Amino acid sequence: MRTSDNTIRISSSARQAVSTDTIHVIGHRNPDTDAICSAIGYAAFLRDVHGMKAEAACCGEVSVRTNWVLQTAGVSAPKLLLDVRPTASTICRRDVFTASPHQTFLSVYRMMMDHNFRSIPIVDAEGRLLGLPAIQELAQLFLPAQTNEKTVAANREVRTSLLNIVNALDGIVGGTAPELEAIQDLVLVVAASSMETTRKRAQQFPASRLVVVTGDRPEIHELAVEMGARCLIITGKFKAASSILTQAAEKGVAIIYSPYDTASTSQLLR
């Protein structure tokens, strides 16, 4: 809302608004000739100088004197708006952005940032509302309130698909990737330790759920394929050797290349 002299610029919250793009310029309530003429002049200024869809209006009856002035000048009387309070129909939108239950929280977060949303509706295939996560709730996934055995275990577990992982990482699929769109309960194992430590840690979980994350470590690449992991993610724009790609295809191990370093990749996956 802006003022110029005794006029007020009001957005299309009026019930009688012509369209959602219309700007109504209104003087004070029970307007006199100055208020009406100022509204007409400022609306013309907005149209001619700024290219806005502006229209003069008033919130009270135009007096006999003002009508005489307008008729003499050959100008039509402003539109009468009895109520400028916003209603649900004037502030709601039909082009609603939604997310599906199987999208990664990162893709939902990016959608919020792109459109400056604080929350976004999650709907099923039939358009029914399932939930409305807020940006504060998504932030807790990055910054848990406390760290203990339970939260550490939860940080390893990800329910998603390989396709979602590729999208979250802006990654590339190397070789074959069976059942790319299947939603699964996966376990992340970041191979930042020695070969034996990584092996022991990985053996705690079913191989079909394992997602091994590592950089330029050919021995870990070989270990992940040997164990029949669900997926091997190679970070830092490094690539697997051709022999690893061949073995991975034979054992049904998907390989994804991430452009980020191991720490960033792990954070994006969580």
C-alpha atoms as a PDB file:
ATOM      1  CA  MET A   1       0.000   0.000   0.000  1.00  0.00           C
ATOM      2  CA  ARG A   2       1.457   3.375  -1.031  1.00  0.00           C
ATOM      3  CA  THR A   3       0.116   6.901  -0.675  1.00  0.00           C
ATOM      4  CA  SER A   4       0.322   9.940  -2.935  1.00  0.00           C
ATOM      5  CA  ASP A   5      -1.320  13.078  -1.557  1.00  0.00           C
ATOM      6  CA  ASN A   6      -4.624  11.747  -0.247  1.00  0.00           C
ATOM      7  CA  THR A   7      -4.826   8.656  -2.446  1.00  0.00           C
ATOM      8  CA  ILE A   8      -4.130   5.075  -1.524  1.00  0.00           C
ATOM      9  CA  ARG A   9      -2.991   2.270  -3.782  1.00  0.00           C
ATOM     10  CA  ILE A  10      -4.820  -0.937  -2.912  1.00  0.00           C
ATOM     11  CA  SER A  11      -4.228  -4.285  -4.532  1.00  0.00           C
ATOM     12  CA  SER A  12      -7.040  -6.400  -5.918  1.00  0.00           C
ATOM     13  CA  SER A  13      -8.431  -7.449  -2.563  1.00  0.00           C
ATOM     14  CA  ALA A  14     -11.731  -5.751  -3.298  1.00  0.00           C
ATOM     15  CA  ARG A  15     -14.635  -8.095  -3.778  1.00  0.00           C
ATOM     16  CA  GLN A  16     -15.602  -6.399  -7.047  1.00  0.00           C
ATOM     17  CA  ALA A  17     -12.099  -6.557  -8.547  1.00  0.00           C
ATOM     18  CA  VAL A  18     -12.042  -6.988 -12.307  1.00  0.00           C
ATOM     19  CA  SER A  19      -9.009  -9.313 -12.236  1.00  0.00           C
ATOM     20  CA  THR A  20      -6.212 -10.354  -9.906  1.00  0.00           C
ATOM     21  CA  ASP A  21      -3.875  -7.891 -11.660  1.00  0.00           C
ATOM     22  CA  THR A  22      -6.037  -4.807 -11.133  1.00  0.00           C
ATOM     23  CA  ILE A  23      -4.787  -2.079  -8.797  1.00  0.00           C
ATOM     24  CA  HIS A  24      -7.551   0.100  -7.343  1.00  0.00           C
ATOM     25  CA  VAL A  25      -6.568   3.646  -6.402  1.00  0.00           C
ATOM     26  CA  ILE A  26      -8.861   4.979  -3.675  1.00  0.00           C
ATOM     27  CA  GLY A  27      -9.125   8.254  -1.791  1.00  0.00           C
ATOM     28  CA  HIS A  28     -10.371   8.573   1.758  1.00  0.00           C
ATOM     29  CA  ARG A  29     -13.774   7.386   2.932  1.00  0.00           C
ATOM     30  CA  ASN A  30     -16.708   9.772   2.178  1.00  0.00           C
ATOM     31  CA  PRO A  31     -14.597  11.335  -0.567  1.00  0.00           C
ATOM     32  CA  ASP A  32     -14.695  14.956  -1.605  1.00  0.00           C
ATOM     33  CA  THR A  33     -13.765  16.305  -5.039  1.00  0.00           C
ATOM     34  CA  ASP A  34     -10.022  16.368  -4.265  1.00  0.00           C
ATOM     35  CA  ALA A  35     -10.020  12.680  -3.231  1.00  0.00           C
ATOM     36  CA  ILE A  36     -11.901  11.566  -6.344  1.00  0.00           C
ATOM     37  CA  CYS A  37      -9.771  13.623  -8.737  1.00  0.00           C
ATOM     38  CA  SER A  38      -6.542  12.498  -7.057  1.00  0.00           C
ATOM     39  CA  ALA A  39      -7.554   8.842  -7.426  1.00  0.00           C
ATOM     40  CA  ILE A  40      -8.365   9.360 -11.105  1.00  0.00           C
ATOM     41  CA  GLY A  41      -5.083  11.173 -11.720  1.00  0.00           C
ATOM     42  CA  TYR A  42      -2.902   8.682  -9.868  1.00  0.00           C
ATOM     43  CA  ALA A  43      -4.543   5.700 -11.582  1.00  0.00           C
ATOM     44  CA  ALA A  44      -3.803   7.357 -14.953  1.00  0.00           C
ATOM     45  CA  PHE A  45      -0.205   7.934 -13.838  1.00  0.00           C
ATOM     46  CA  LEU A  46       0.237   4.260 -12.920  1.00  0.00           C
ATOM     47  CA  ARG A  47      -1.203   3.155 -16.257  1.00  0.00           C
ATOM     48  CA  ASP A  48       0.722   5.597 -18.470  1.00  0.00           C
ATOM     49  CA  VAL A  49       4.080   5.708 -16.675  1.00  0.00           C
ATOM     50  CA  HIS A  50       4.400   2.275 -15.053  1.00  0.00           C
ATOM     51  CA  GLY A  51       2.193   0.246 -17.383  1.00  0.00           C
ATOM     52  CA  MET A  52       0.087  -1.055 -14.495  1.00  0.00           C
ATOM     53  CA  LYS A  53      -3.517  -2.135 -14.763  1.00  0.00           C
ATOM     54  CA  ALA A  54      -4.790   0.622 -12.462  1.00  0.00           C
ATOM     55  CA  GLU A  55      -8.340   1.790 -11.991  1.00  0.00           C
ATOM     56  CA  ALA A  56      -9.744   4.659  -9.898  1.00  0.00           C
ATOM     57  CA  ALA A  57     -12.307   3.708  -7.273  1.00  0.00           C
ATOM     58  CA  CYS A  58     -14.018   5.137  -4.224  1.00  0.00           C
ATOM     59  CA  CYS A  59     -15.348   3.824  -0.925  1.00  0.00           C
ATOM     60  CA  GLY A  60     -18.239   6.265  -0.643  1.00  0.00           C
ATOM     61  CA  GLU A  61     -20.900   7.935  -2.755  1.00  0.00           C
ATOM     62  CA  VAL A  62     -19.738  10.679  -5.086  1.00  0.00           C
ATOM     63  CA  SER A  63     -21.266  14.042  -4.134  1.00  0.00           C
ATOM     64  CA  VAL A  64     -23.407  16.190  -6.424  1.00  0.00           C
ATOM     65  CA  ARG A  65     -20.630  18.776  -6.675  1.00  0.00           C
ATOM     66  CA  THR A  66     -18.045  16.123  -7.635  1.00  0.00           C
ATOM     67  CA  ASN A  67     -20.416  14.647 -10.209  1.00  0.00           C
ATOM     68  CA  TRP A  68     -20.762  18.104 -11.792  1.00  0.00           C
ATOM     69  CA  VAL A  69     -16.955  18.455 -11.954  1.00  0.00           C
ATOM     70  CA  LEU A  70     -16.566  15.040 -13.585  1.00  0.00           C
ATOM     71  CA  GLN A  71     -19.342  15.628 -16.100  1.00  0.00           C
ATOM     72  CA  THR A  72     -17.889  19.018 -17.003  1.00  0.00           C
ATOM     73  CA  ALA A  73     -14.449  17.416 -17.532  1.00  0.00           C
ATOM     74  CA  GLY A  74     -15.965  14.514 -19.483  1.00  0.00           C
ATOM     75  CA  VAL A  75     -14.591  11.928 -17.046  1.00  0.00           C
ATOM     76  CA  SER A  76     -16.521   8.916 -15.766  1.00  0.00           C
ATOM     77  CA  ALA A  77     -17.093   8.536 -12.031  1.00  0.00           C
ATOM     78  CA  PRO A  78     -14.839   6.017 -10.258  1.00  0.00           C
ATOM     79  CA  LYS A  79     -16.039   2.546  -9.454  1.00  0.00           C
ATOM     80  CA  LEU A  80     -17.764   2.238  -6.081  1.00  0.00           C
ATOM     81  CA  LEU A  81     -16.197  -0.389  -3.790  1.00  0.00           C
ATOM     82  CA  LEU A  82     -18.225  -1.052  -0.678  1.00  0.00           C
ATOM     83  CA  ASP A  83     -15.768  -3.540   0.829  1.00  0.00           C
ATOM     84  CA  VAL A  84     -11.991  -3.760   0.353  1.00  0.00           C
ATOM     85  CA  ARG A  85     -11.353  -6.446   2.937  1.00  0.00           C
ATOM     86  CA  PRO A  86      -9.553  -9.493   1.506  1.00  0.00           C
ATOM     87  CA  THR A  87     -11.562 -12.694   1.173  1.00  0.00           C
ATOM     88  CA  ALA A  88     -10.498 -16.281   0.570  1.00  0.00           C
ATOM     89  CA  SER A  89     -11.331 -15.978  -3.127  1.00  0.00           C
ATOM     90  CA  THR A  90      -9.064 -12.955  -3.583  1.00  0.00           C
ATOM     91  CA  ILE A  91      -5.966 -14.402  -1.927  1.00  0.00           C
ATOM     92  CA  CYS A  92      -6.183 -18.092  -2.853  1.00  0.00           C
ATOM     93  CA  ARG A  93      -4.472 -19.479  -5.937  1.00  0.00           C
ATOM     94  CA  ARG A  94      -5.356 -22.323  -8.270  1.00  0.00           C
ATOM     95  CA  ASP A  95      -1.859 -22.962  -9.616  1.00  0.00           C
ATOM     96  CA  VAL A  96      -0.833 -24.776  -6.436  1.00  0.00           C
ATOM     97  CA  PHE A  97       2.622 -26.313  -6.206  1.00  0.00           C
ATOM     98  CA  THR A  98       2.529 -29.765  -4.621  1.00  0.00           C
ATOM     99  CA  ALA A  99       4.915 -32.621  -3.903  1.00  0.00           C
ATOM    100  CA  SER A 100       4.414 -36.372  -3.926  1.00  0.00           C
ATOM    101  CA  PRO A 101       5.054 -38.670  -0.933  1.00  0.00           C
ATOM    102  CA  HIS A 102       8.038 -40.282  -2.664  1.00  0.00           C
ATOM    103  CA  GLN A 103       9.967 -37.099  -3.459  1.00  0.00           C
ATOM    104  CA  THR A 104      13.123 -36.509  -1.462  1.00  0.00           C
ATOM    105  CA  PHE A 105      12.947 -33.838   1.185  1.00  0.00           C
ATOM    106  CA  LEU A 106      15.774 -32.067  -0.646  1.00  0.00           C
ATOM    107  CA  SER A 107      13.690 -31.673  -3.804  1.00  0.00           C
ATOM    108  CA  VAL A 108      10.785 -30.381  -1.689  1.00  0.00           C
ATOM    109  CA  TYR A 109      13.138 -27.964   0.082  1.00  0.00           C
ATOM    110  CA  ARG A 110      14.476 -26.697  -3.242  1.00  0.00           C
ATOM    111  CA  MET A 111      10.917 -26.138  -4.465  1.00  0.00           C
ATOM    112  CA  MET A 112      10.186 -24.087  -1.347  1.00  0.00           C
ATOM    113  CA  MET A 113      13.295 -21.981  -1.883  1.00  0.00           C
ATOM    114  CA  ASP A 114      12.603 -21.447  -5.594  1.00  0.00           C
ATOM    115  CA  HIS A 115       9.092 -20.137  -4.903  1.00  0.00           C
ATOM    116  CA  ASN A 116       9.692 -18.562  -1.476  1.00  0.00           C
ATOM    117  CA  PHE A 117       7.281 -20.966   0.280  1.00  0.00           C
ATOM    118  CA  ARG A 118       7.378 -21.775   3.989  1.00  0.00           C
ATOM    119  CA  SER A 119       5.418 -25.002   3.513  1.00  0.00           C
ATOM    120  CA  ILE A 120       4.119 -27.103   0.655  1.00  0.00           C
ATOM    121  CA  PRO A 121       1.244 -29.632   0.443  1.00  0.00           C
ATOM    122  CA  ILE A 122       2.045 -33.308  -0.054  1.00  0.00           C
ATOM    123  CA  VAL A 123      -0.663 -35.042  -2.099  1.00  0.00           C
ATOM    124  CA  ASP A 124      -1.231 -38.576  -3.356  1.00  0.00           C
ATOM    125  CA  ALA A 125      -1.894 -39.642  -6.936  1.00  0.00           C
ATOM    126  CA  GLU A 126      -5.558 -38.608  -6.599  1.00  0.00           C
ATOM    127  CA  GLY A 127      -4.724 -35.147  -5.298  1.00  0.00           C
ATOM    128  CA  ARG A 128      -5.727 -35.842  -1.686  1.00  0.00           C
ATOM    129  CA  LEU A 129      -3.805 -33.925   0.959  1.00  0.00           C
ATOM    130  CA  LEU A 130      -1.476 -36.128   3.014  1.00  0.00           C
ATOM    131  CA  GLY A 131       0.451 -33.514   4.935  1.00  0.00           C
ATOM    132  CA  LEU A 132       1.924 -30.028   4.952  1.00  0.00           C
ATOM    133  CA  PRO A 133       5.601 -30.047   5.999  1.00  0.00           C
ATOM    134  CA  ALA A 134       7.079 -26.715   7.024  1.00  0.00           C
ATOM    135  CA  ILE A 135      10.580 -25.544   6.252  1.00  0.00           C
ATOM    136  CA  GLN A 136      11.440 -25.700   9.976  1.00  0.00           C
ATOM    137  CA  GLU A 137      10.581 -29.406  10.007  1.00  0.00           C
ATOM    138  CA  LEU A 138      12.820 -30.055   7.018  1.00  0.00           C
ATOM    139  CA  ALA A 139      15.660 -28.185   8.723  1.00  0.00           C
ATOM    140  CA  GLN A 140      15.505 -30.654  11.627  1.00  0.00           C
ATOM    141  CA  LEU A 141      16.565 -33.412   9.239  1.00  0.00           C
ATOM    142  CA  PHE A 142      19.835 -31.530   8.720  1.00  0.00           C
ATOM    143  CA  LEU A 143      20.148 -30.359  12.340  1.00  0.00           C
ATOM    144  CA  PRO A 144      18.713 -32.928  14.781  1.00  0.00           C
ATOM    145  CA  ALA A 145      18.044 -31.604  18.275  1.00  0.00           C
ATOM    146  CA  GLN A 146      20.289 -34.226  19.857  1.00  0.00           C
ATOM    147  CA  THR A 147      22.708 -36.930  18.813  1.00  0.00           C
ATOM    148  CA  ASN A 148      22.514 -40.431  20.273  1.00  0.00           C
ATOM    149  CA  GLU A 149      22.519 -44.024  19.076  1.00  0.00           C
ATOM    150  CA  LYS A 150      18.954 -43.702  17.832  1.00  0.00           C
ATOM    151  CA  THR A 151      19.581 -40.571  15.760  1.00  0.00           C
ATOM    152  CA  VAL A 152      22.859 -41.953  14.389  1.00  0.00           C
ATOM    153  CA  ALA A 153      21.040 -45.098  13.233  1.00  0.00           C
ATOM    154  CA  ALA A 154      18.270 -42.988  11.719  1.00  0.00           C
ATOM    155  CA  ASN A 155      20.838 -40.952   9.787  1.00  0.00           C
ATOM    156  CA  ARG A 156      22.031 -44.149   8.127  1.00  0.00           C
ATOM    157  CA  GLU A 157      18.556 -45.163   6.979  1.00  0.00           C
ATOM    158  CA  VAL A 158      16.941 -43.648   3.901  1.00  0.00           C
ATOM    159  CA  ARG A 159      13.627 -44.657   2.355  1.00  0.00           C
ATOM    160  CA  THR A 160      13.904 -43.637  -1.267  1.00  0.00           C
ATOM    161  CA  SER A 161      14.642 -44.826  -4.791  1.00  0.00           C
ATOM    162  CA  LEU A 162      17.848 -44.751  -6.785  1.00  0.00           C
ATOM    163  CA  LEU A 163      16.192 -42.294  -9.150  1.00  0.00           C
ATOM    164  CA  ASN A 164      15.579 -39.903  -6.252  1.00  0.00           C
ATOM    165  CA  ILE A 165      19.211 -40.287  -5.220  1.00  0.00           C
ATOM    166  CA  VAL A 166      20.396 -39.416  -8.719  1.00  0.00           C
ATOM    167  CA  ASN A 167      18.155 -36.326  -8.759  1.00  0.00           C
ATOM    168  CA  ALA A 168      19.185 -35.205  -5.265  1.00  0.00           C
ATOM    169  CA  LEU A 169      22.869 -35.444  -6.170  1.00  0.00           C
ATOM    170  CA  ASP A 170      22.581 -34.099  -9.714  1.00  0.00           C
ATOM    171  CA  GLY A 171      24.324 -37.377 -10.403  1.00  0.00           C
ATOM    172  CA  ILE A 172      24.879 -39.706 -13.327  1.00  0.00           C
ATOM    173  CA  VAL A 173      24.130 -43.425 -13.514  1.00  0.00           C
ATOM    174  CA  GLY A 174      27.193 -45.440 -14.460  1.00  0.00           C
ATOM    175  CA  GLY A 175      26.435 -48.661 -16.268  1.00  0.00           C
ATOM    176  CA  THR A 176      23.194 -50.453 -15.464  1.00  0.00           C
ATOM    177  CA  ALA A 177      20.853 -49.563 -12.610  1.00  0.00           C
ATOM    178  CA  PRO A 178      18.140 -52.197 -12.071  1.00  0.00           C
ATOM    179  CA  GLU A 179      14.799 -51.083 -10.570  1.00  0.00           C
ATOM    180  CA  LEU A 180      15.794 -47.425 -10.656  1.00  0.00           C
ATOM    181  CA  GLU A 181      12.373 -46.173  -9.527  1.00  0.00           C
ATOM    182  CA  ALA A 182      11.678 -48.768  -6.828  1.00  0.00           C
ATOM    183  CA  ILE A 183      11.196 -47.285  -3.344  1.00  0.00           C
ATOM    184  CA  GLN A 184      13.359 -49.126  -0.802  1.00  0.00           C
ATOM    185  CA  ASP A 185      14.600 -48.895   2.777  1.00  0.00           C
ATOM    186  CA  LEU A 186      18.299 -48.294   2.216  1.00  0.00           C
ATOM    187  CA  VAL A 187      21.250 -48.039   4.604  1.00  0.00           C
ATOM    188  CA  LEU A 188      24.096 -45.613   3.985  1.00  0.00           C
ATOM    189  CA  VAL A 189      27.644 -46.720   4.681  1.00  0.00           C
ATOM    190  CA  VAL A 190      30.233 -44.003   4.167  1.00  0.00           C
ATOM    191  CA  ALA A 191      33.600 -45.602   3.471  1.00  0.00           C
ATOM    192  CA  ALA A 192      35.795 -43.030   5.191  1.00  0.00           C
ATOM    193  CA  SER A 193      37.704 -45.594   7.273  1.00  0.00           C
ATOM    194  CA  SER A 194      40.056 -48.449   6.472  1.00  0.00           C
ATOM    195  CA  MET A 195      39.120 -51.322   4.222  1.00  0.00           C
ATOM    196  CA  GLU A 196      38.521 -53.725   7.123  1.00  0.00           C
ATOM    197  CA  THR A 197      36.528 -51.225   9.161  1.00  0.00           C
ATOM    198  CA  THR A 198      34.323 -50.505   6.157  1.00  0.00           C
ATOM    199  CA  ARG A 199      33.826 -54.232   5.553  1.00  0.00           C
ATOM    200  CA  LYS A 200      32.822 -54.894   9.168  1.00  0.00           C
ATOM    201  CA  ARG A 201      30.432 -51.974   9.191  1.00  0.00           C
ATOM    202  CA  ALA A 202      28.831 -52.999   5.890  1.00  0.00           C
ATOM    203  CA  GLN A 203      28.404 -56.613   6.990  1.00  0.00           C
ATOM    204  CA  GLN A 204      26.035 -55.463   9.744  1.00  0.00           C
ATOM    205  CA  PHE A 205      23.331 -54.835   7.155  1.00  0.00           C
ATOM    206  CA  PRO A 206      21.689 -56.852   4.358  1.00  0.00           C
ATOM    207  CA  ALA A 207      23.615 -56.351   1.121  1.00  0.00           C
ATOM    208  CA  SER A 208      20.379 -55.672  -0.770  1.00  0.00           C
ATOM    209  CA  ARG A 209      19.888 -52.488   1.316  1.00  0.00           C
ATOM    210  CA  LEU A 210      23.487 -51.234   1.246  1.00  0.00           C
ATOM    211  CA  VAL A 211      24.420 -47.914  -0.343  1.00  0.00           C
ATOM    212  CA  VAL A 212      28.194 -47.515  -0.147  1.00  0.00           C
ATOM    213  CA  VAL A 213      29.487 -43.951  -0.483  1.00  0.00           C
ATOM    214  CA  THR A 214      33.152 -43.382  -1.269  1.00  0.00           C
ATOM    215  CA  GLY A 215      35.530 -41.364  -3.406  1.00  0.00           C
ATOM    216  CA  ASP A 216      38.519 -42.451  -5.469  1.00  0.00           C
ATOM    217  CA  ARG A 217      39.087 -45.723  -3.613  1.00  0.00           C
ATOM    218  CA  PRO A 218      39.162 -48.649  -6.079  1.00  0.00           C
ATOM    219  CA  GLU A 219      39.443 -51.200  -3.232  1.00  0.00           C
ATOM    220  CA  ILE A 220      36.132 -49.965  -1.772  1.00  0.00           C
ATOM    221  CA  HIS A 221      34.553 -50.054  -5.234  1.00  0.00           C
ATOM    222  CA  GLU A 222      35.593 -53.681  -5.510  1.00  0.00           C
ATOM    223  CA  LEU A 223      34.349 -54.450  -1.990  1.00  0.00           C
ATOM    224  CA  ALA A 224      30.883 -52.979  -2.678  1.00  0.00           C
ATOM    225  CA  VAL A 225      30.514 -55.025  -5.857  1.00  0.00           C
ATOM    226  CA  GLU A 226      31.885 -58.150  -4.168  1.00  0.00           C
ATOM    227  CA  MET A 227      29.304 -57.835  -1.382  1.00  0.00           C
ATOM    228  CA  GLY A 228      26.485 -57.309  -3.886  1.00  0.00           C
ATOM    229  CA  ALA A 229      25.514 -53.884  -2.502  1.00  0.00           C
ATOM    230  CA  ARG A 230      22.367 -52.261  -3.795  1.00  0.00           C
ATOM    231  CA  CYS A 231      24.304 -49.208  -4.923  1.00  0.00           C
ATOM    232  CA  LEU A 232      27.821 -47.796  -5.031  1.00  0.00           C
ATOM    233  CA  ILE A 233      28.034 -43.997  -5.064  1.00  0.00           C
ATOM    234  CA  ILE A 234      31.397 -42.636  -6.222  1.00  0.00           C
ATOM    235  CA  THR A 235      31.942 -39.023  -5.219  1.00  0.00           C
ATOM    236  CA  GLY A 236      34.146 -36.164  -6.393  1.00  0.00           C
ATOM    237  CA  LYS A 237      33.493 -36.751 -10.119  1.00  0.00           C
ATOM    238  CA  PHE A 238      35.651 -39.889 -10.022  1.00  0.00           C
ATOM    239  CA  LYS A 239      34.730 -42.902 -12.151  1.00  0.00           C
ATOM    240  CA  ALA A 240      34.823 -46.651 -11.681  1.00  0.00           C
ATOM    241  CA  ALA A 241      37.227 -48.806 -13.657  1.00  0.00           C
ATOM    242  CA  SER A 242      35.780 -50.696 -16.625  1.00  0.00           C
ATOM    243  CA  SER A 243      36.363 -53.999 -14.818  1.00  0.00           C
ATOM    244  CA  ILE A 244      34.264 -52.759 -11.864  1.00  0.00           C
ATOM    245  CA  LEU A 245      31.474 -51.696 -14.226  1.00  0.00           C
ATOM    246  CA  THR A 246      31.458 -55.164 -15.786  1.00  0.00           C
ATOM    247  CA  GLN A 247      31.333 -56.932 -12.422  1.00  0.00           C
ATOM    248  CA  ALA A 248      28.663 -54.551 -11.144  1.00  0.00           C
ATOM    249  CA  ALA A 249      26.443 -55.280 -14.146  1.00  0.00           C
ATOM    250  CA  GLU A 250      26.832 -59.033 -13.564  1.00  0.00           C
ATOM    251  CA  LYS A 251      25.900 -58.766  -9.857  1.00  0.00           C
ATOM    252  CA  GLY A 252      23.152 -56.160 -10.274  1.00  0.00           C
ATOM    253  CA  VAL A 253      24.982 -53.407  -8.356  1.00  0.00           C
ATOM    254  CA  ALA A 254      23.985 -49.914  -9.435  1.00  0.00           C
ATOM    255  CA  ILE A 255      26.724 -47.289  -9.705  1.00  0.00           C
ATOM    256  CA  ILE A 256      26.001 -43.568  -9.352  1.00  0.00           C
ATOM    257  CA  TYR A 257      28.533 -40.786  -9.886  1.00  0.00           C
ATOM    258  CA  SER A 258      28.193 -37.723  -7.639  1.00  0.00           C
ATOM    259  CA  PRO A 259      29.801 -34.377  -8.527  1.00  0.00           C
ATOM    260  CA  TYR A 260      30.120 -33.500  -4.811  1.00  0.00           C
ATOM    261  CA  ASP A 261      32.704 -34.602  -2.267  1.00  0.00           C
ATOM    262  CA  THR A 262      31.914 -37.466   0.103  1.00  0.00           C
ATOM    263  CA  ALA A 263      30.816 -35.276   3.022  1.00  0.00           C
ATOM    264  CA  SER A 264      28.447 -33.176   0.896  1.00  0.00           C
ATOM    265  CA  THR A 265      27.077 -36.255  -0.858  1.00  0.00           C
ATOM    266  CA  SER A 266      26.326 -37.951   2.462  1.00  0.00           C
ATOM    267  CA  GLN A 267      24.549 -34.859   3.765  1.00  0.00           C
ATOM    268  CA  LEU A 268      22.418 -34.579   0.638  1.00  0.00           C
ATOM    269  CA  LEU A 269      21.456 -38.244   0.866  1.00  0.00           C
ATOM    270  CA  ARG A 270      20.292 -37.876   4.455  1.00  0.00           C
END
